[in-house]
N, C-alpha and C. Protein backbone atom coordinates (compact mmCIF):
# COMPACT_ATOMS: atom_id res chain seq x y z
N MET A 1 9.60 -3.32 -1.42
CA MET A 1 9.75 -4.28 -0.35
C MET A 1 9.86 -5.67 -0.98
N ARG A 2 10.76 -6.46 -0.49
CA ARG A 2 10.93 -7.83 -0.98
C ARG A 2 10.17 -8.82 -0.11
N CYS A 3 9.51 -9.74 -0.77
CA CYS A 3 8.87 -10.88 -0.12
C CYS A 3 9.47 -12.11 -0.78
N GLY A 4 10.52 -12.62 -0.17
CA GLY A 4 11.26 -13.71 -0.81
C GLY A 4 11.96 -13.16 -2.05
N SER A 5 11.65 -13.71 -3.21
CA SER A 5 12.24 -13.22 -4.45
C SER A 5 11.30 -12.27 -5.19
N LYS A 6 10.15 -11.99 -4.62
CA LYS A 6 9.15 -11.10 -5.24
C LYS A 6 9.33 -9.67 -4.75
N LEU A 7 8.88 -8.70 -5.55
CA LEU A 7 9.02 -7.30 -5.21
C LEU A 7 7.64 -6.63 -5.18
N VAL A 8 7.38 -5.92 -4.08
CA VAL A 8 6.14 -5.16 -3.91
C VAL A 8 6.50 -3.68 -3.94
N THR A 9 5.76 -2.89 -4.70
CA THR A 9 6.05 -1.46 -4.82
C THR A 9 4.80 -0.64 -4.55
N VAL A 10 5.02 0.65 -4.30
CA VAL A 10 3.92 1.59 -4.11
C VAL A 10 3.05 1.58 -5.35
N SER A 11 1.76 1.67 -5.16
CA SER A 11 0.69 1.65 -6.16
C SER A 11 0.21 0.24 -6.50
N ASP A 12 0.82 -0.81 -5.91
CA ASP A 12 0.29 -2.16 -6.08
C ASP A 12 -1.02 -2.28 -5.31
N GLY A 13 -1.87 -3.19 -5.73
CA GLY A 13 -3.15 -3.42 -5.08
C GLY A 13 -3.03 -4.41 -3.93
N LYS A 14 -4.06 -4.45 -3.09
CA LYS A 14 -4.08 -5.37 -1.94
C LYS A 14 -3.98 -6.82 -2.38
N ASP A 15 -4.67 -7.18 -3.46
CA ASP A 15 -4.66 -8.56 -3.93
C ASP A 15 -3.26 -9.00 -4.34
N LYS A 16 -2.55 -8.12 -5.03
CA LYS A 16 -1.19 -8.45 -5.47
C LYS A 16 -0.26 -8.61 -4.27
N VAL A 17 -0.36 -7.70 -3.31
CA VAL A 17 0.49 -7.77 -2.12
C VAL A 17 0.21 -9.06 -1.36
N ARG A 18 -1.06 -9.39 -1.19
CA ARG A 18 -1.42 -10.61 -0.47
C ARG A 18 -0.93 -11.85 -1.23
N ALA A 19 -1.01 -11.84 -2.54
CA ALA A 19 -0.55 -12.98 -3.35
C ALA A 19 0.97 -13.16 -3.26
N LEU A 20 1.72 -12.06 -3.21
CA LEU A 20 3.18 -12.14 -3.19
C LEU A 20 3.74 -12.36 -1.79
N CYS A 21 3.10 -11.75 -0.77
CA CYS A 21 3.67 -11.77 0.59
C CYS A 21 2.88 -12.62 1.58
N GLY A 22 1.70 -13.06 1.22
CA GLY A 22 0.86 -13.81 2.15
C GLY A 22 0.06 -12.88 3.04
N GLU A 23 -0.56 -13.47 4.03
CA GLU A 23 -1.39 -12.68 4.95
C GLU A 23 -0.50 -11.86 5.89
N PRO A 24 -0.88 -10.62 6.19
CA PRO A 24 -0.11 -9.81 7.14
C PRO A 24 -0.27 -10.32 8.57
N SER A 25 0.69 -9.97 9.40
CA SER A 25 0.62 -10.34 10.82
C SER A 25 -0.52 -9.62 11.51
N SER A 26 -0.76 -8.37 11.12
CA SER A 26 -1.87 -7.61 11.68
C SER A 26 -2.34 -6.57 10.68
N VAL A 27 -3.60 -6.20 10.81
CA VAL A 27 -4.22 -5.18 9.97
C VAL A 27 -4.92 -4.20 10.90
N SER A 28 -4.66 -2.90 10.72
CA SER A 28 -5.36 -1.91 11.54
C SER A 28 -6.00 -0.87 10.64
N PHE A 29 -7.22 -0.51 10.98
CA PHE A 29 -7.97 0.50 10.25
C PHE A 29 -7.62 1.86 10.84
N GLN A 30 -7.14 2.78 10.01
CA GLN A 30 -6.68 4.09 10.48
C GLN A 30 -7.70 5.20 10.30
N GLY A 31 -8.80 4.93 9.62
CA GLY A 31 -9.82 5.95 9.41
C GLY A 31 -10.07 6.20 7.94
N LEU A 32 -10.62 7.36 7.64
CA LEU A 32 -10.94 7.73 6.27
C LEU A 32 -10.20 9.01 5.90
N ILE A 33 -9.81 9.13 4.65
CA ILE A 33 -9.28 10.40 4.15
C ILE A 33 -10.09 10.80 2.93
N ARG A 34 -10.08 12.06 2.66
CA ARG A 34 -10.81 12.58 1.50
C ARG A 34 -9.81 12.88 0.40
N ARG A 35 -10.11 12.39 -0.79
CA ARG A 35 -9.26 12.64 -1.95
C ARG A 35 -10.13 12.94 -3.15
N ALA A 36 -9.55 13.72 -4.05
CA ALA A 36 -10.21 13.94 -5.33
C ALA A 36 -9.98 12.70 -6.19
N PRO A 37 -11.00 12.26 -6.92
CA PRO A 37 -10.80 11.09 -7.78
C PRO A 37 -9.74 11.40 -8.84
N ARG A 38 -8.87 10.42 -9.12
CA ARG A 38 -7.79 10.61 -10.09
C ARG A 38 -8.01 9.71 -11.29
N TYR A 39 -7.82 10.28 -12.44
CA TYR A 39 -7.94 9.54 -13.68
C TYR A 39 -6.62 9.66 -14.43
N GLU A 40 -6.13 8.57 -14.98
CA GLU A 40 -4.85 8.58 -15.69
C GLU A 40 -5.10 8.28 -17.17
N TYR A 41 -4.39 9.00 -18.00
CA TYR A 41 -4.46 8.79 -19.44
C TYR A 41 -3.05 8.60 -19.98
N GLY A 42 -2.87 7.67 -20.90
CA GLY A 42 -1.57 7.48 -21.54
C GLY A 42 -0.66 6.59 -20.72
N TYR A 43 0.59 6.45 -21.22
CA TYR A 43 1.58 5.58 -20.60
C TYR A 43 2.92 6.28 -20.54
N GLY A 44 3.75 5.90 -19.56
CA GLY A 44 5.12 6.42 -19.47
C GLY A 44 5.17 7.92 -19.33
N TYR A 45 6.05 8.54 -20.10
CA TYR A 45 6.22 10.00 -20.02
C TYR A 45 5.03 10.77 -20.58
N ASN A 46 4.19 10.11 -21.35
CA ASN A 46 3.03 10.77 -21.94
C ASN A 46 1.77 10.60 -21.10
N ARG A 47 1.95 10.22 -19.85
CA ARG A 47 0.80 10.01 -18.97
C ARG A 47 0.35 11.33 -18.36
N TYR A 48 -0.95 11.51 -18.31
CA TYR A 48 -1.53 12.72 -17.72
C TYR A 48 -2.44 12.30 -16.59
N ASP A 49 -2.36 13.00 -15.49
CA ASP A 49 -3.26 12.78 -14.37
C ASP A 49 -4.31 13.87 -14.37
N TYR A 50 -5.54 13.47 -14.17
CA TYR A 50 -6.64 14.42 -14.07
C TYR A 50 -7.35 14.15 -12.76
N TYR A 51 -7.46 15.16 -11.94
CA TYR A 51 -8.17 15.04 -10.67
C TYR A 51 -9.58 15.57 -10.86
N GLY A 52 -10.54 14.68 -10.73
CA GLY A 52 -11.93 15.02 -10.99
C GLY A 52 -12.52 15.94 -9.95
N PRO A 53 -13.70 16.42 -10.22
CA PRO A 53 -14.37 17.33 -9.29
C PRO A 53 -14.85 16.58 -8.05
N GLY A 54 -14.96 17.30 -6.96
CA GLY A 54 -15.46 16.71 -5.73
C GLY A 54 -14.41 15.87 -5.03
N VAL A 55 -14.83 15.28 -3.95
CA VAL A 55 -13.93 14.42 -3.19
C VAL A 55 -14.65 13.12 -2.85
N ILE A 56 -13.88 12.08 -2.60
CA ILE A 56 -14.44 10.82 -2.16
C ILE A 56 -13.70 10.40 -0.89
N GLU A 57 -14.37 9.68 -0.03
CA GLU A 57 -13.74 9.18 1.19
C GLU A 57 -13.18 7.81 0.91
N MET A 58 -11.93 7.62 1.32
CA MET A 58 -11.25 6.35 1.09
C MET A 58 -10.74 5.80 2.41
N PRO A 59 -10.93 4.49 2.67
CA PRO A 59 -10.45 3.91 3.91
C PRO A 59 -8.93 3.79 3.90
N VAL A 60 -8.33 3.93 5.07
CA VAL A 60 -6.87 3.80 5.23
C VAL A 60 -6.61 2.63 6.16
N GLU A 61 -5.80 1.67 5.68
CA GLU A 61 -5.43 0.50 6.48
C GLU A 61 -3.91 0.42 6.54
N VAL A 62 -3.39 -0.09 7.65
CA VAL A 62 -1.96 -0.36 7.77
C VAL A 62 -1.80 -1.86 8.02
N TRP A 63 -1.07 -2.50 7.10
CA TRP A 63 -0.76 -3.92 7.23
C TRP A 63 0.65 -4.04 7.78
N THR A 64 0.83 -4.90 8.77
CA THR A 64 2.15 -5.14 9.35
C THR A 64 2.61 -6.55 8.99
N TYR A 65 3.83 -6.62 8.45
CA TYR A 65 4.45 -7.91 8.13
C TYR A 65 5.62 -8.13 9.06
N ASN A 66 5.63 -9.30 9.70
CA ASN A 66 6.70 -9.68 10.61
C ASN A 66 7.49 -10.82 9.97
N PHE A 67 8.72 -10.53 9.56
CA PHE A 67 9.54 -11.54 8.88
C PHE A 67 10.54 -12.19 9.82
N GLY A 68 10.35 -12.05 11.14
CA GLY A 68 11.21 -12.71 12.11
C GLY A 68 12.03 -11.74 12.93
N SER A 69 12.68 -12.25 13.98
CA SER A 69 13.38 -11.40 14.93
C SER A 69 14.65 -10.77 14.38
N SER A 70 15.19 -11.29 13.29
CA SER A 70 16.42 -10.72 12.72
C SER A 70 16.14 -9.70 11.62
N LYS A 71 14.87 -9.45 11.33
CA LYS A 71 14.51 -8.49 10.27
C LYS A 71 13.54 -7.45 10.82
N LEU A 72 13.52 -6.30 10.16
CA LEU A 72 12.63 -5.21 10.57
C LEU A 72 11.19 -5.50 10.18
N LEU A 73 10.27 -5.02 11.02
CA LEU A 73 8.85 -5.08 10.67
C LEU A 73 8.61 -4.16 9.48
N ARG A 74 7.69 -4.51 8.62
CA ARG A 74 7.29 -3.67 7.50
C ARG A 74 5.84 -3.25 7.70
N LYS A 75 5.61 -1.95 7.58
CA LYS A 75 4.25 -1.41 7.70
C LYS A 75 3.85 -0.84 6.36
N LEU A 76 2.80 -1.41 5.78
CA LEU A 76 2.30 -1.01 4.47
C LEU A 76 1.00 -0.25 4.65
N ARG A 77 0.96 0.96 4.14
CA ARG A 77 -0.23 1.81 4.26
C ARG A 77 -1.00 1.77 2.95
N PHE A 78 -2.26 1.37 3.04
CA PHE A 78 -3.14 1.32 1.88
C PHE A 78 -4.18 2.42 1.98
N VAL A 79 -4.37 3.14 0.90
CA VAL A 79 -5.46 4.11 0.79
C VAL A 79 -6.40 3.55 -0.27
N GLY A 80 -7.59 3.18 0.15
CA GLY A 80 -8.48 2.45 -0.75
C GLY A 80 -7.88 1.07 -0.97
N ASP A 81 -7.66 0.71 -2.22
CA ASP A 81 -7.06 -0.59 -2.55
C ASP A 81 -5.61 -0.45 -2.99
N GLU A 82 -5.07 0.76 -2.96
CA GLU A 82 -3.74 1.02 -3.50
C GLU A 82 -2.70 1.21 -2.40
N LEU A 83 -1.54 0.55 -2.55
CA LEU A 83 -0.44 0.70 -1.61
C LEU A 83 0.13 2.11 -1.74
N ASP A 84 0.11 2.85 -0.63
CA ASP A 84 0.47 4.26 -0.63
C ASP A 84 1.86 4.50 -0.05
N ASP A 85 2.28 3.68 0.92
CA ASP A 85 3.54 3.93 1.61
C ASP A 85 4.06 2.63 2.23
N ILE A 86 5.38 2.47 2.25
CA ILE A 86 6.03 1.33 2.89
C ILE A 86 7.04 1.88 3.88
N ARG A 87 6.92 1.47 5.13
CA ARG A 87 7.85 1.93 6.19
C ARG A 87 8.37 0.74 6.97
N THR A 88 9.48 0.98 7.64
CA THR A 88 10.03 -0.04 8.54
C THR A 88 9.77 0.38 9.97
N ASP A 89 9.66 -0.61 10.84
CA ASP A 89 9.51 -0.38 12.26
C ASP A 89 10.59 -1.22 12.94
N GLY A 90 10.59 -1.28 14.24
CA GLY A 90 11.62 -2.04 14.95
C GLY A 90 11.72 -3.49 14.50
N TYR A 91 12.63 -4.22 15.12
CA TYR A 91 12.81 -5.63 14.75
C TYR A 91 11.59 -6.45 15.11
N GLY A 92 11.35 -7.48 14.32
CA GLY A 92 10.22 -8.36 14.53
C GLY A 92 10.37 -9.21 15.77
N TYR A 93 9.48 -10.12 15.96
CA TYR A 93 9.47 -10.98 17.15
C TYR A 93 9.39 -12.42 16.74
């Protein structure tokens, strides 16, 4: 997703998104999901993911950005502190 000349991508943190795009028009709490903790080792193609034992509950939030009536609304889904999904909704207001 573009915020001016900046680019926001999946796996970015809330702080980075807020710094690049500003405050969202609205924030809604969607509940909790259970996930196994993930640990990453290495970089690039040599990266390994390890899912630890047990599960943890992580909060889910949806941030809505309204860039005006000529552009689509953007809905950013965060699981914990990590951007999980970016979707578009109808035109802004």
